[in-house]
């Protein structure tokens, strides 16, 4: 079974990858996240199924693309292998408006120490910029 220390390390690596977004491209940020995910990872975002990593990368393209000054802080972390839970707050700005989005994520790790499943709980209204950004982004 994956250890508590390994899970904590992976979660900190995940956060470091996301928080480095202002210094990196969206693609490079997603590539760092890919290394922490199982090949067959799947999840749920605000109750909506995210069937694979490709679908989550599309969400990252929108979010990291819109919030160029993206930053996420972990508020609490609970680890009970192979599960972990973090509550967090994302901050950034979009078109000069502050974005503050609290949320929580639950993770299940596989025996290789990679994220196999995740459940992300957010209020989609905290990310109202998405519609505006998506409408202004060429297909």
N, C-alpha and C. Protein backbone atom coordinates (compact mmCIF):
# COMPACT_ATOMS: atom_id res chain seq x y z
N UNK A 1 0.84 -1.18 0.00
CA UNK A 1 0.00 0.00 0.00
C UNK A 1 0.88 1.24 0.00
N UNK A 2 0.42 2.27 -0.67
CA UNK A 2 1.14 3.53 -0.75
C UNK A 2 1.18 4.18 0.65
N UNK A 3 2.30 4.81 0.95
CA UNK A 3 2.49 5.37 2.30
C UNK A 3 1.91 6.78 2.41
N UNK A 4 1.66 7.15 3.63
CA UNK A 4 1.18 8.50 3.94
C UNK A 4 2.18 9.55 3.44
N UNK A 5 3.47 9.30 3.65
CA UNK A 5 4.49 10.26 3.21
C UNK A 5 4.51 10.41 1.69
N UNK A 6 4.34 9.29 0.99
CA UNK A 6 4.31 9.36 -0.47
C UNK A 6 3.11 10.16 -0.96
N UNK A 7 1.95 9.92 -0.38
CA UNK A 7 0.75 10.66 -0.76
C UNK A 7 0.95 12.14 -0.53
N UNK A 8 1.48 12.51 0.63
CA UNK A 8 1.73 13.93 0.93
C UNK A 8 2.68 14.53 -0.10
N UNK A 9 3.71 13.79 -0.46
CA UNK A 9 4.67 14.27 -1.45
C UNK A 9 3.99 14.51 -2.81
N UNK A 10 3.17 13.57 -3.24
CA UNK A 10 2.49 13.71 -4.53
C UNK A 10 1.55 14.92 -4.51
N UNK A 11 0.82 15.09 -3.43
CA UNK A 11 -0.10 16.23 -3.35
C UNK A 11 0.65 17.55 -3.37
N UNK A 12 1.80 17.60 -2.70
CA UNK A 12 2.61 18.82 -2.74
C UNK A 12 3.21 19.05 -4.13
N UNK A 13 3.59 17.97 -4.82
CA UNK A 13 4.08 18.11 -6.20
C UNK A 13 2.97 18.61 -7.12
N UNK A 14 1.76 18.11 -6.92
CA UNK A 14 0.61 18.56 -7.70
C UNK A 14 0.38 20.05 -7.50
N UNK A 15 0.41 20.48 -6.25
CA UNK A 15 0.19 21.89 -5.96
C UNK A 15 1.32 22.76 -6.51
N UNK A 16 2.55 22.28 -6.40
CA UNK A 16 3.69 23.03 -6.93
C UNK A 16 3.57 23.18 -8.45
N UNK A 17 3.15 22.13 -9.13
CA UNK A 17 2.98 22.20 -10.59
C UNK A 17 1.93 23.24 -10.94
N UNK A 18 0.79 23.20 -10.25
CA UNK A 18 -0.27 24.17 -10.54
C UNK A 18 0.17 25.59 -10.20
N UNK A 19 0.82 25.77 -9.07
CA UNK A 19 1.22 27.12 -8.66
C UNK A 19 2.36 27.69 -9.48
N UNK A 20 3.04 26.84 -10.25
CA UNK A 20 4.10 27.34 -11.13
C UNK A 20 3.53 27.84 -12.46
N UNK A 21 2.22 27.74 -12.64
CA UNK A 21 1.59 28.13 -13.89
C UNK A 21 1.99 29.54 -14.34
N UNK A 22 2.09 30.55 -13.45
CA UNK A 22 2.49 31.88 -13.93
C UNK A 22 3.88 31.90 -14.59
N UNK A 23 4.71 30.91 -14.31
CA UNK A 23 6.06 30.85 -14.86
C UNK A 23 6.20 29.82 -15.98
N UNK A 24 5.09 29.25 -16.41
CA UNK A 24 5.12 28.13 -17.34
C UNK A 24 3.93 28.22 -18.29
N UNK A 25 3.96 27.41 -19.32
CA UNK A 25 2.81 27.34 -20.22
C UNK A 25 1.76 26.42 -19.62
N UNK A 26 0.55 26.54 -20.11
CA UNK A 26 -0.52 25.65 -19.68
C UNK A 26 -0.15 24.20 -20.01
N UNK A 27 0.42 23.99 -21.19
CA UNK A 27 0.80 22.63 -21.61
C UNK A 27 1.86 22.04 -20.71
N UNK A 28 2.87 22.84 -20.34
CA UNK A 28 3.92 22.34 -19.46
C UNK A 28 3.37 22.04 -18.06
N UNK A 29 2.46 22.87 -17.60
CA UNK A 29 1.83 22.63 -16.30
C UNK A 29 1.05 21.31 -16.33
N UNK A 30 0.25 21.11 -17.37
CA UNK A 30 -0.51 19.87 -17.49
C UNK A 30 0.40 18.65 -17.61
N UNK A 31 1.52 18.80 -18.30
CA UNK A 31 2.47 17.69 -18.44
C UNK A 31 3.04 17.29 -17.08
N UNK A 32 3.31 18.24 -16.21
CA UNK A 32 3.80 17.92 -14.86
C UNK A 32 2.72 17.19 -14.07
N UNK A 33 1.47 17.61 -14.24
CA UNK A 33 0.37 16.95 -13.55
C UNK A 33 0.18 15.53 -14.08
N UNK A 34 0.34 15.35 -15.39
CA UNK A 34 0.20 14.02 -16.00
C UNK A 34 1.06 12.98 -15.30
N UNK A 35 2.25 13.37 -14.88
CA UNK A 35 3.20 12.43 -14.27
C UNK A 35 2.73 11.92 -12.91
N UNK A 36 1.75 12.60 -12.32
CA UNK A 36 1.25 12.22 -11.00
C UNK A 36 -0.03 11.41 -11.08
N UNK A 37 -0.54 11.27 -12.29
CA UNK A 37 -1.83 10.60 -12.51
C UNK A 37 -1.63 9.21 -13.11
N UNK A 38 -2.47 8.27 -12.71
CA UNK A 38 -2.46 6.94 -13.32
C UNK A 38 -2.93 7.08 -14.77
N UNK A 39 -2.46 6.21 -15.65
CA UNK A 39 -2.88 6.29 -17.06
C UNK A 39 -4.39 6.21 -17.24
N UNK A 40 -5.07 5.49 -16.35
CA UNK A 40 -6.52 5.34 -16.47
C UNK A 40 -7.29 6.17 -15.43
N UNK A 41 -6.69 7.28 -14.98
CA UNK A 41 -7.33 8.13 -13.98
C UNK A 41 -8.69 8.61 -14.48
N UNK A 42 -9.61 8.73 -13.55
CA UNK A 42 -10.87 9.38 -13.86
C UNK A 42 -11.38 10.05 -12.59
N UNK A 43 -12.26 11.01 -12.79
CA UNK A 43 -12.71 11.77 -11.64
C UNK A 43 -14.07 12.38 -11.84
N UNK A 44 -14.38 13.24 -10.90
CA UNK A 44 -15.63 13.96 -10.89
C UNK A 44 -15.31 15.39 -10.48
N UNK A 45 -15.84 16.35 -11.19
CA UNK A 45 -15.65 17.77 -10.91
C UNK A 45 -17.03 18.37 -10.69
N UNK A 46 -17.31 18.78 -9.45
CA UNK A 46 -18.62 19.34 -9.09
C UNK A 46 -19.75 18.42 -9.53
N UNK A 47 -19.55 17.12 -9.35
CA UNK A 47 -20.56 16.13 -9.67
C UNK A 47 -20.63 15.69 -11.11
N UNK A 48 -19.79 16.26 -11.95
CA UNK A 48 -19.77 15.91 -13.38
C UNK A 48 -18.60 14.97 -13.63
N UNK A 49 -18.86 13.87 -14.32
CA UNK A 49 -17.82 12.88 -14.60
C UNK A 49 -16.74 13.48 -15.50
N UNK A 50 -15.49 13.24 -15.11
CA UNK A 50 -14.33 13.57 -15.94
C UNK A 50 -13.74 12.20 -16.31
N UNK A 51 -14.01 11.72 -17.53
CA UNK A 51 -13.73 10.32 -17.85
C UNK A 51 -12.26 9.96 -17.99
N UNK A 52 -11.41 10.95 -18.25
CA UNK A 52 -10.00 10.63 -18.47
C UNK A 52 -9.16 11.90 -18.34
N UNK A 53 -7.88 11.70 -18.43
CA UNK A 53 -6.93 12.81 -18.27
C UNK A 53 -7.10 13.85 -19.38
N UNK A 54 -7.43 13.42 -20.58
CA UNK A 54 -7.61 14.37 -21.70
C UNK A 54 -8.73 15.36 -21.39
N UNK A 55 -9.81 14.88 -20.81
CA UNK A 55 -10.92 15.77 -20.46
C UNK A 55 -10.50 16.76 -19.37
N UNK A 56 -9.72 16.31 -18.41
CA UNK A 56 -9.25 17.22 -17.36
C UNK A 56 -8.26 18.23 -17.91
N UNK A 57 -7.43 17.83 -18.86
CA UNK A 57 -6.51 18.79 -19.49
C UNK A 57 -7.27 19.93 -20.16
N UNK A 58 -8.44 19.64 -20.73
CA UNK A 58 -9.27 20.69 -21.33
C UNK A 58 -9.74 21.67 -20.25
N UNK A 59 -10.15 21.15 -19.09
CA UNK A 59 -10.51 22.03 -17.97
C UNK A 59 -9.32 22.87 -17.54
N UNK A 60 -8.14 22.27 -17.51
CA UNK A 60 -6.92 23.00 -17.14
C UNK A 60 -6.61 24.08 -18.17
N UNK A 61 -6.81 23.77 -19.45
CA UNK A 61 -6.55 24.77 -20.49
C UNK A 61 -7.39 26.02 -20.24
N UNK A 62 -8.65 25.82 -19.91
CA UNK A 62 -9.53 26.96 -19.64
C UNK A 62 -9.13 27.68 -18.36
N UNK A 63 -8.98 26.93 -17.27
CA UNK A 63 -8.69 27.55 -15.98
C UNK A 63 -7.33 28.21 -15.91
N UNK A 64 -6.29 27.47 -16.27
CA UNK A 64 -4.94 28.04 -16.22
C UNK A 64 -4.76 29.12 -17.27
N UNK A 65 -5.46 29.00 -18.39
CA UNK A 65 -5.38 30.02 -19.43
C UNK A 65 -6.03 31.32 -19.01
N UNK A 66 -7.15 31.23 -18.31
CA UNK A 66 -7.87 32.42 -17.88
C UNK A 66 -7.21 33.09 -16.67
N UNK A 67 -6.75 32.29 -15.72
CA UNK A 67 -6.14 32.82 -14.50
C UNK A 67 -4.62 32.74 -14.63
N UNK A 68 -4.05 33.66 -15.34
CA UNK A 68 -2.60 33.62 -15.58
C UNK A 68 -1.79 33.77 -14.29
N UNK A 69 -2.43 34.35 -13.25
CA UNK A 69 -1.78 34.49 -11.94
C UNK A 69 -2.34 33.49 -10.93
N UNK A 70 -2.79 32.34 -11.43
CA UNK A 70 -3.36 31.25 -10.62
C UNK A 70 -2.47 30.91 -9.44
N UNK A 71 -3.09 30.73 -8.28
CA UNK A 71 -2.37 30.24 -7.10
C UNK A 71 -3.36 29.49 -6.21
N UNK A 72 -2.96 28.31 -5.76
CA UNK A 72 -3.81 27.51 -4.86
C UNK A 72 -3.06 27.26 -3.56
N UNK A 73 -3.74 27.52 -2.45
CA UNK A 73 -3.23 27.21 -1.12
C UNK A 73 -3.99 26.03 -0.56
N UNK A 74 -3.28 25.12 0.06
CA UNK A 74 -3.91 24.04 0.82
C UNK A 74 -4.27 24.61 2.19
N UNK A 75 -5.51 24.44 2.59
CA UNK A 75 -5.94 24.89 3.91
C UNK A 75 -5.82 23.75 4.93
N UNK A 76 -6.17 22.53 4.50
CA UNK A 76 -6.05 21.35 5.35
C UNK A 76 -5.79 20.14 4.46
N UNK A 77 -5.11 19.16 5.04
CA UNK A 77 -4.85 17.90 4.33
C UNK A 77 -5.06 16.75 5.32
N UNK A 78 -5.84 15.78 4.90
CA UNK A 78 -6.07 14.57 5.70
C UNK A 78 -5.67 13.38 4.83
N UNK A 79 -4.84 12.50 5.37
CA UNK A 79 -4.37 11.34 4.61
C UNK A 79 -4.66 10.08 5.40
N UNK A 80 -5.34 9.15 4.76
CA UNK A 80 -5.60 7.83 5.32
C UNK A 80 -5.43 6.86 4.14
N UNK A 81 -4.19 6.42 3.89
CA UNK A 81 -3.90 5.64 2.67
C UNK A 81 -4.90 4.52 2.43
N UNK A 82 -5.32 4.39 1.20
CA UNK A 82 -4.85 5.03 -0.03
C UNK A 82 -5.61 6.30 -0.39
N UNK A 83 -6.34 6.87 0.59
CA UNK A 83 -7.16 8.05 0.34
C UNK A 83 -6.52 9.30 0.93
N UNK A 84 -6.88 10.44 0.36
CA UNK A 84 -6.45 11.72 0.90
C UNK A 84 -7.50 12.77 0.56
N UNK A 85 -7.57 13.78 1.38
CA UNK A 85 -8.50 14.88 1.16
C UNK A 85 -7.77 16.18 1.46
N UNK A 86 -7.98 17.15 0.60
CA UNK A 86 -7.45 18.49 0.85
C UNK A 86 -8.59 19.48 0.68
N UNK A 87 -8.61 20.50 1.53
CA UNK A 87 -9.45 21.63 1.18
C UNK A 87 -8.50 22.77 0.85
N UNK A 88 -8.90 23.58 -0.09
CA UNK A 88 -7.99 24.53 -0.70
C UNK A 88 -8.75 25.79 -1.10
N UNK A 89 -7.97 26.81 -1.42
CA UNK A 89 -8.52 28.04 -1.97
C UNK A 89 -7.67 28.43 -3.17
N UNK A 90 -8.34 28.63 -4.30
CA UNK A 90 -7.69 29.12 -5.51
C UNK A 90 -7.91 30.63 -5.58
N UNK A 91 -6.84 31.34 -5.92
CA UNK A 91 -6.91 32.79 -6.10
C UNK A 91 -6.27 33.15 -7.43
N UNK A 92 -6.76 34.20 -8.00
CA UNK A 92 -6.20 34.73 -9.23
C UNK A 92 -7.03 35.91 -9.67
N UNK A 93 -6.86 36.31 -10.91
CA UNK A 93 -7.65 37.40 -11.43
C UNK A 93 -7.97 37.12 -12.89
N UNK A 94 -9.10 37.66 -13.31
CA UNK A 94 -9.53 37.54 -14.70
C UNK A 94 -10.11 38.88 -15.12
N UNK A 95 -9.53 39.46 -16.15
CA UNK A 95 -9.96 40.78 -16.63
C UNK A 95 -10.03 41.81 -15.50
N UNK A 96 -9.03 41.78 -14.63
CA UNK A 96 -8.95 42.74 -13.54
C UNK A 96 -9.85 42.45 -12.36
N UNK A 97 -10.59 41.35 -12.41
CA UNK A 97 -11.49 41.00 -11.31
C UNK A 97 -10.87 39.86 -10.50
N UNK A 98 -10.91 40.02 -9.17
CA UNK A 98 -10.38 38.98 -8.29
C UNK A 98 -11.25 37.74 -8.35
N UNK A 99 -10.60 36.58 -8.39
CA UNK A 99 -11.28 35.29 -8.31
C UNK A 99 -10.78 34.62 -7.04
N UNK A 100 -11.71 34.26 -6.17
CA UNK A 100 -11.40 33.51 -4.94
C UNK A 100 -12.36 32.34 -4.93
N UNK A 101 -11.81 31.13 -4.99
CA UNK A 101 -12.63 29.93 -5.13
C UNK A 101 -12.19 28.87 -4.12
N UNK A 102 -12.92 28.74 -3.01
CA UNK A 102 -12.63 27.65 -2.07
C UNK A 102 -13.19 26.34 -2.61
N UNK A 103 -12.56 25.25 -2.23
CA UNK A 103 -13.04 23.95 -2.65
C UNK A 103 -12.34 22.84 -1.90
N UNK A 104 -12.62 21.62 -2.31
CA UNK A 104 -12.01 20.45 -1.69
C UNK A 104 -11.85 19.36 -2.74
N UNK A 105 -10.84 18.52 -2.54
CA UNK A 105 -10.61 17.38 -3.42
C UNK A 105 -10.33 16.15 -2.58
N UNK A 106 -10.88 15.04 -3.02
CA UNK A 106 -10.60 13.73 -2.43
C UNK A 106 -9.87 12.92 -3.49
N UNK A 107 -8.86 12.19 -3.09
CA UNK A 107 -8.05 11.39 -4.01
C UNK A 107 -7.98 9.95 -3.54
N UNK A 108 -7.95 9.03 -4.49
CA UNK A 108 -7.61 7.64 -4.21
C UNK A 108 -6.36 7.33 -5.01
N UNK A 109 -5.35 6.81 -4.32
CA UNK A 109 -4.07 6.48 -4.94
C UNK A 109 -4.02 4.99 -5.24
N UNK A 110 -3.36 4.63 -6.34
CA UNK A 110 -3.18 3.21 -6.65
C UNK A 110 -1.91 2.69 -5.97
N UNK A 111 -1.62 1.42 -6.13
CA UNK A 111 -0.46 0.81 -5.49
C UNK A 111 0.87 1.34 -6.02
N UNK A 112 0.85 1.97 -7.20
CA UNK A 112 2.06 2.59 -7.76
C UNK A 112 2.27 4.00 -7.23
N UNK A 113 1.37 4.48 -6.38
CA UNK A 113 1.50 5.81 -5.79
C UNK A 113 1.01 6.93 -6.69
N UNK A 114 0.22 6.59 -7.70
CA UNK A 114 -0.33 7.59 -8.60
C UNK A 114 -1.80 7.83 -8.28
N UNK A 115 -2.29 9.01 -8.63
CA UNK A 115 -3.69 9.34 -8.41
C UNK A 115 -4.53 8.52 -9.39
N UNK A 116 -5.42 7.68 -8.86
CA UNK A 116 -6.26 6.81 -9.67
C UNK A 116 -7.66 7.39 -9.85
N UNK A 117 -8.15 8.08 -8.82
CA UNK A 117 -9.47 8.70 -8.87
C UNK A 117 -9.41 9.99 -8.07
N UNK A 118 -10.28 10.93 -8.45
CA UNK A 118 -10.40 12.16 -7.67
C UNK A 118 -11.82 12.68 -7.76
N UNK A 119 -12.21 13.38 -6.71
CA UNK A 119 -13.50 14.03 -6.63
C UNK A 119 -13.22 15.47 -6.23
N UNK A 120 -13.55 16.41 -7.09
CA UNK A 120 -13.29 17.83 -6.82
C UNK A 120 -14.61 18.53 -6.56
N UNK A 121 -14.69 19.20 -5.44
CA UNK A 121 -15.90 19.91 -5.05
C UNK A 121 -15.63 21.41 -5.11
N UNK A 122 -16.33 22.08 -6.01
CA UNK A 122 -16.19 23.51 -6.19
C UNK A 122 -17.57 24.10 -6.47
N UNK A 123 -17.66 25.39 -6.33
CA UNK A 123 -18.86 26.11 -6.75
C UNK A 123 -18.55 26.67 -8.14
N UNK A 124 -19.17 26.14 -9.17
CA UNK A 124 -18.87 26.62 -10.54
C UNK A 124 -19.06 28.12 -10.71
N UNK A 125 -19.93 28.74 -9.89
CA UNK A 125 -20.13 30.18 -10.00
C UNK A 125 -18.89 30.97 -9.62
N UNK A 126 -17.99 30.36 -8.85
CA UNK A 126 -16.73 31.03 -8.52
C UNK A 126 -15.87 31.21 -9.77
N UNK A 127 -16.18 30.43 -10.80
CA UNK A 127 -15.41 30.47 -12.03
C UNK A 127 -16.28 30.96 -13.19
N UNK A 128 -17.07 31.98 -12.93
CA UNK A 128 -17.97 32.51 -13.95
C UNK A 128 -17.21 33.03 -15.17
N UNK A 129 -15.92 33.34 -15.02
CA UNK A 129 -15.11 33.82 -16.14
C UNK A 129 -15.05 32.77 -17.26
N UNK A 130 -15.27 31.51 -16.94
CA UNK A 130 -15.09 30.42 -17.91
C UNK A 130 -15.91 30.66 -19.17
N UNK A 131 -17.16 31.05 -19.00
CA UNK A 131 -18.00 31.26 -20.19
C UNK A 131 -17.44 32.38 -21.05
N UNK A 132 -17.04 33.47 -20.40
CA UNK A 132 -16.49 34.60 -21.13
C UNK A 132 -15.18 34.21 -21.82
N UNK A 133 -14.32 33.50 -21.10
CA UNK A 133 -13.03 33.10 -21.68
C UNK A 133 -13.23 32.10 -22.81
N UNK A 134 -14.10 31.12 -22.58
CA UNK A 134 -14.33 30.10 -23.61
C UNK A 134 -14.90 30.73 -24.87
N UNK A 135 -15.77 31.72 -24.71
CA UNK A 135 -16.36 32.38 -25.89
C UNK A 135 -15.33 33.18 -26.67
N UNK A 136 -14.28 33.65 -25.98
CA UNK A 136 -13.28 34.47 -26.65
C UNK A 136 -12.08 33.65 -27.14
N UNK A 137 -12.07 32.36 -26.86
CA UNK A 137 -10.95 31.50 -27.25
C UNK A 137 -11.28 30.78 -28.56
N UNK A 138 -10.42 30.91 -29.59
CA UNK A 138 -10.69 30.21 -30.84
C UNK A 138 -10.69 28.70 -30.65
N UNK A 139 -11.51 28.02 -31.41
CA UNK A 139 -11.59 26.56 -31.33
C UNK A 139 -10.37 25.90 -31.90
